[in-house]
Amino acid sequence: MRPSPKPAATVFCSTSCSACGRPARAHFLSAWATYFEHPVSWQAAIQEHQQVLDAIEAGDASAARKAMQKHLKQAHRRYSASWRRAPAR
């Protein structure tokens, strides 16, 4: 069994939000992802995280910004799709 990507994603969200001056948002994003994501979407999120990190490591602020915007839009799409599939309570 492969280890869960959730801890690494939580660290990514927490670190990114703190670096942007929004540490409280990290908790929300981590809880959101934990409840609604599944293995396929986690893999997509991890690839998106890597694109952000690659741009940061390259010192390319514009590419990092674009990669993060893309990640947030995709995360919203994944969340919305999961929400629509969730059973009524």
N, C-alpha and C. Protein backbone atom coordinates (compact mmCIF):
# COMPACT_ATOMS: atom_id res chain seq x y z
N MET A 1 0.84 -1.19 0.00
CA MET A 1 0.00 0.00 0.00
C MET A 1 0.88 1.24 0.00
N ARG A 2 0.58 2.18 -0.88
CA ARG A 2 1.36 3.42 -0.97
C ARG A 2 0.97 4.37 0.14
N PRO A 3 1.94 5.16 0.61
CA PRO A 3 1.61 6.13 1.65
C PRO A 3 0.67 7.21 1.11
N SER A 4 -0.11 7.76 2.00
CA SER A 4 -1.05 8.81 1.62
C SER A 4 -0.31 10.10 1.28
N PRO A 5 -0.76 10.81 0.24
CA PRO A 5 -0.14 12.10 -0.11
C PRO A 5 -0.64 13.23 0.78
N LYS A 6 -1.60 12.96 1.65
CA LYS A 6 -2.22 14.02 2.44
C LYS A 6 -1.23 14.78 3.32
N PRO A 7 -0.31 14.10 4.05
CA PRO A 7 0.61 14.88 4.88
C PRO A 7 1.46 15.86 4.08
N ALA A 8 1.99 15.43 2.94
CA ALA A 8 2.81 16.33 2.12
C ALA A 8 1.98 17.47 1.57
N ALA A 9 0.76 17.19 1.17
CA ALA A 9 -0.12 18.24 0.65
C ALA A 9 -0.46 19.24 1.75
N THR A 10 -0.66 18.74 2.96
CA THR A 10 -0.96 19.62 4.08
C THR A 10 0.22 20.55 4.35
N VAL A 11 1.44 20.01 4.31
CA VAL A 11 2.63 20.84 4.51
C VAL A 11 2.74 21.87 3.39
N PHE A 12 2.48 21.46 2.16
CA PHE A 12 2.54 22.38 1.03
C PHE A 12 1.55 23.53 1.24
N CYS A 13 0.31 23.19 1.58
CA CYS A 13 -0.72 24.23 1.78
C CYS A 13 -0.34 25.16 2.93
N SER A 14 0.09 24.58 4.03
CA SER A 14 0.44 25.38 5.20
C SER A 14 1.60 26.32 4.91
N THR A 15 2.64 25.80 4.29
CA THR A 15 3.82 26.61 3.98
C THR A 15 3.50 27.69 2.96
N SER A 16 2.75 27.33 1.92
CA SER A 16 2.40 28.30 0.89
C SER A 16 1.54 29.42 1.46
N CYS A 17 0.54 29.05 2.22
CA CYS A 17 -0.36 30.07 2.80
C CYS A 17 0.38 30.97 3.77
N SER A 18 1.24 30.40 4.60
CA SER A 18 2.01 31.20 5.55
C SER A 18 2.95 32.16 4.82
N ALA A 19 3.59 31.68 3.76
CA ALA A 19 4.52 32.52 3.00
C ALA A 19 3.79 33.68 2.32
N CYS A 20 2.51 33.48 2.04
CA CYS A 20 1.70 34.53 1.40
C CYS A 20 0.98 35.40 2.41
N GLY A 21 1.24 35.18 3.69
CA GLY A 21 0.60 35.98 4.72
C GLY A 21 -0.82 35.57 5.05
N ARG A 22 -1.18 34.32 4.75
CA ARG A 22 -2.55 33.83 5.01
C ARG A 22 -2.50 32.48 5.72
N PRO A 23 -1.90 32.41 6.89
CA PRO A 23 -1.74 31.11 7.56
C PRO A 23 -3.07 30.45 7.95
N ALA A 24 -4.10 31.22 8.24
CA ALA A 24 -5.38 30.64 8.63
C ALA A 24 -6.03 29.88 7.48
N ARG A 25 -5.75 30.28 6.27
CA ARG A 25 -6.35 29.63 5.10
C ARG A 25 -5.82 28.20 4.93
N ALA A 26 -4.62 27.93 5.40
CA ALA A 26 -4.02 26.60 5.25
C ALA A 26 -4.88 25.53 5.90
N HIS A 27 -5.38 25.80 7.09
CA HIS A 27 -6.21 24.81 7.78
C HIS A 27 -7.47 24.50 6.97
N PHE A 28 -8.10 25.53 6.46
CA PHE A 28 -9.30 25.34 5.65
C PHE A 28 -8.99 24.48 4.42
N LEU A 29 -7.92 24.81 3.72
CA LEU A 29 -7.59 24.07 2.49
C LEU A 29 -7.26 22.62 2.79
N SER A 30 -6.55 22.38 3.88
CA SER A 30 -6.20 21.01 4.23
C SER A 30 -7.44 20.20 4.59
N ALA A 31 -8.34 20.79 5.36
CA ALA A 31 -9.57 20.10 5.74
C ALA A 31 -10.43 19.83 4.51
N TRP A 32 -10.50 20.80 3.64
CA TRP A 32 -11.27 20.70 2.41
C TRP A 32 -10.76 19.52 1.57
N ALA A 33 -9.48 19.48 1.36
CA ALA A 33 -8.88 18.43 0.54
C ALA A 33 -9.06 17.06 1.19
N THR A 34 -8.91 16.98 2.49
CA THR A 34 -9.02 15.71 3.19
C THR A 34 -10.42 15.13 3.05
N TYR A 35 -11.42 15.96 3.06
CA TYR A 35 -12.79 15.46 3.01
C TYR A 35 -13.21 15.08 1.60
N PHE A 36 -12.82 15.84 0.60
CA PHE A 36 -13.38 15.65 -0.74
C PHE A 36 -12.48 14.97 -1.76
N GLU A 37 -11.21 14.89 -1.53
CA GLU A 37 -10.31 14.36 -2.56
C GLU A 37 -10.24 12.84 -2.53
N HIS A 38 -9.78 12.27 -3.63
CA HIS A 38 -9.57 10.83 -3.75
C HIS A 38 -8.22 10.63 -4.45
N PRO A 39 -7.72 9.40 -4.53
CA PRO A 39 -6.36 9.17 -5.05
C PRO A 39 -6.06 9.79 -6.41
N VAL A 40 -6.98 9.73 -7.34
CA VAL A 40 -6.72 10.28 -8.67
C VAL A 40 -6.53 11.79 -8.60
N SER A 41 -7.40 12.46 -7.87
CA SER A 41 -7.27 13.91 -7.78
C SER A 41 -6.06 14.31 -6.94
N TRP A 42 -5.70 13.46 -5.96
CA TRP A 42 -4.48 13.76 -5.19
C TRP A 42 -3.26 13.77 -6.12
N GLN A 43 -3.21 12.82 -7.05
CA GLN A 43 -2.07 12.79 -7.97
C GLN A 43 -2.01 14.06 -8.81
N ALA A 44 -3.16 14.53 -9.25
CA ALA A 44 -3.20 15.78 -10.01
C ALA A 44 -2.72 16.94 -9.16
N ALA A 45 -3.17 16.99 -7.91
CA ALA A 45 -2.76 18.07 -7.01
C ALA A 45 -1.26 18.03 -6.75
N ILE A 46 -0.72 16.84 -6.57
CA ILE A 46 0.73 16.71 -6.33
C ILE A 46 1.52 17.21 -7.53
N GLN A 47 1.06 16.89 -8.74
CA GLN A 47 1.74 17.39 -9.93
C GLN A 47 1.66 18.92 -9.99
N GLU A 48 0.52 19.47 -9.62
CA GLU A 48 0.36 20.93 -9.60
C GLU A 48 1.27 21.55 -8.55
N HIS A 49 1.35 20.93 -7.39
CA HIS A 49 2.26 21.42 -6.35
C HIS A 49 3.69 21.44 -6.86
N GLN A 50 4.08 20.38 -7.57
CA GLN A 50 5.44 20.29 -8.09
C GLN A 50 5.72 21.41 -9.08
N GLN A 51 4.75 21.75 -9.91
CA GLN A 51 4.93 22.85 -10.87
C GLN A 51 5.16 24.17 -10.14
N VAL A 52 4.43 24.38 -9.05
CA VAL A 52 4.63 25.60 -8.25
C VAL A 52 6.03 25.60 -7.66
N LEU A 53 6.42 24.48 -7.05
CA LEU A 53 7.74 24.40 -6.43
C LEU A 53 8.86 24.55 -7.44
N ASP A 54 8.70 23.95 -8.61
CA ASP A 54 9.73 24.08 -9.66
C ASP A 54 9.93 25.55 -10.05
N ALA A 55 8.84 26.27 -10.20
CA ALA A 55 8.93 27.69 -10.56
C ALA A 55 9.58 28.50 -9.45
N ILE A 56 9.24 28.19 -8.20
CA ILE A 56 9.86 28.90 -7.07
C ILE A 56 11.36 28.62 -7.04
N GLU A 57 11.73 27.36 -7.19
CA GLU A 57 13.15 26.99 -7.18
C GLU A 57 13.91 27.66 -8.31
N ALA A 58 13.23 27.88 -9.44
CA ALA A 58 13.87 28.53 -10.59
C ALA A 58 13.93 30.04 -10.41
N GLY A 59 13.29 30.54 -9.36
CA GLY A 59 13.27 31.99 -9.13
C GLY A 59 12.36 32.73 -10.09
N ASP A 60 11.40 32.02 -10.66
CA ASP A 60 10.49 32.60 -11.65
C ASP A 60 9.15 32.92 -10.99
N ALA A 61 9.03 34.13 -10.44
CA ALA A 61 7.82 34.53 -9.71
C ALA A 61 6.58 34.49 -10.60
N SER A 62 6.71 34.90 -11.84
CA SER A 62 5.56 34.91 -12.76
C SER A 62 5.06 33.49 -13.00
N ALA A 63 5.97 32.56 -13.24
CA ALA A 63 5.58 31.17 -13.47
C ALA A 63 5.00 30.55 -12.20
N ALA A 64 5.56 30.90 -11.04
CA ALA A 64 5.03 30.39 -9.77
C ALA A 64 3.61 30.88 -9.55
N ARG A 65 3.38 32.15 -9.82
CA ARG A 65 2.05 32.73 -9.67
C ARG A 65 1.06 32.02 -10.60
N LYS A 66 1.45 31.84 -11.87
CA LYS A 66 0.57 31.17 -12.83
C LYS A 66 0.29 29.72 -12.43
N ALA A 67 1.32 29.03 -11.96
CA ALA A 67 1.15 27.63 -11.54
C ALA A 67 0.22 27.54 -10.32
N MET A 68 0.36 28.48 -9.39
CA MET A 68 -0.51 28.47 -8.21
C MET A 68 -1.94 28.81 -8.61
N GLN A 69 -2.12 29.77 -9.49
CA GLN A 69 -3.47 30.11 -9.95
C GLN A 69 -4.12 28.91 -10.65
N LYS A 70 -3.35 28.23 -11.48
CA LYS A 70 -3.86 27.04 -12.15
C LYS A 70 -4.25 25.98 -11.12
N HIS A 71 -3.38 25.77 -10.13
CA HIS A 71 -3.66 24.77 -9.10
C HIS A 71 -4.95 25.11 -8.35
N LEU A 72 -5.12 26.36 -7.96
CA LEU A 72 -6.32 26.74 -7.22
C LEU A 72 -7.59 26.58 -8.06
N LYS A 73 -7.50 26.91 -9.34
CA LYS A 73 -8.66 26.72 -10.23
C LYS A 73 -8.99 25.24 -10.37
N GLN A 74 -7.97 24.43 -10.56
CA GLN A 74 -8.19 22.98 -10.70
C GLN A 74 -8.72 22.39 -9.40
N ALA A 75 -8.18 22.84 -8.27
CA ALA A 75 -8.65 22.34 -6.98
C ALA A 75 -10.13 22.69 -6.79
N HIS A 76 -10.49 23.89 -7.20
CA HIS A 76 -11.89 24.29 -7.11
C HIS A 76 -12.77 23.39 -7.99
N ARG A 77 -12.30 23.07 -9.17
CA ARG A 77 -13.07 22.19 -10.07
C ARG A 77 -13.21 20.80 -9.45
N ARG A 78 -12.11 20.28 -8.88
CA ARG A 78 -12.19 18.96 -8.24
C ARG A 78 -13.16 18.98 -7.07
N TYR A 79 -13.07 20.02 -6.26
CA TYR A 79 -13.95 20.16 -5.10
C TYR A 79 -15.41 20.24 -5.55
N SER A 80 -15.68 21.07 -6.55
CA SER A 80 -17.05 21.23 -7.04
C SER A 80 -17.61 19.92 -7.57
N ALA A 81 -16.80 19.18 -8.30
CA ALA A 81 -17.24 17.89 -8.83
C ALA A 81 -17.53 16.91 -7.69
N SER A 82 -16.67 16.89 -6.68
CA SER A 82 -16.88 16.02 -5.53
C SER A 82 -18.14 16.42 -4.78
N TRP A 83 -18.36 17.70 -4.66
CA TRP A 83 -19.54 18.20 -3.95
C TRP A 83 -20.81 17.73 -4.66
N ARG A 84 -20.82 17.82 -5.98
CA ARG A 84 -22.00 17.41 -6.74
C ARG A 84 -22.26 15.90 -6.60
N ARG A 85 -21.17 15.11 -6.44
CA ARG A 85 -21.32 13.66 -6.31
C ARG A 85 -21.65 13.23 -4.88
N ALA A 86 -21.44 14.10 -3.90
CA ALA A 86 -21.64 13.74 -2.50
C ALA A 86 -23.11 13.41 -2.24
N PRO A 87 -23.34 12.37 -1.44
CA PRO A 87 -24.74 12.02 -1.12
C PRO A 87 -25.41 13.12 -0.30
N ALA A 88 -26.69 13.27 -0.50
CA ALA A 88 -27.47 14.26 0.27
C ALA A 88 -27.50 13.82 1.74
N ARG A 89 -27.48 14.80 2.61
CA ARG A 89 -27.51 14.46 4.04
C ARG A 89 -28.78 14.92 4.67
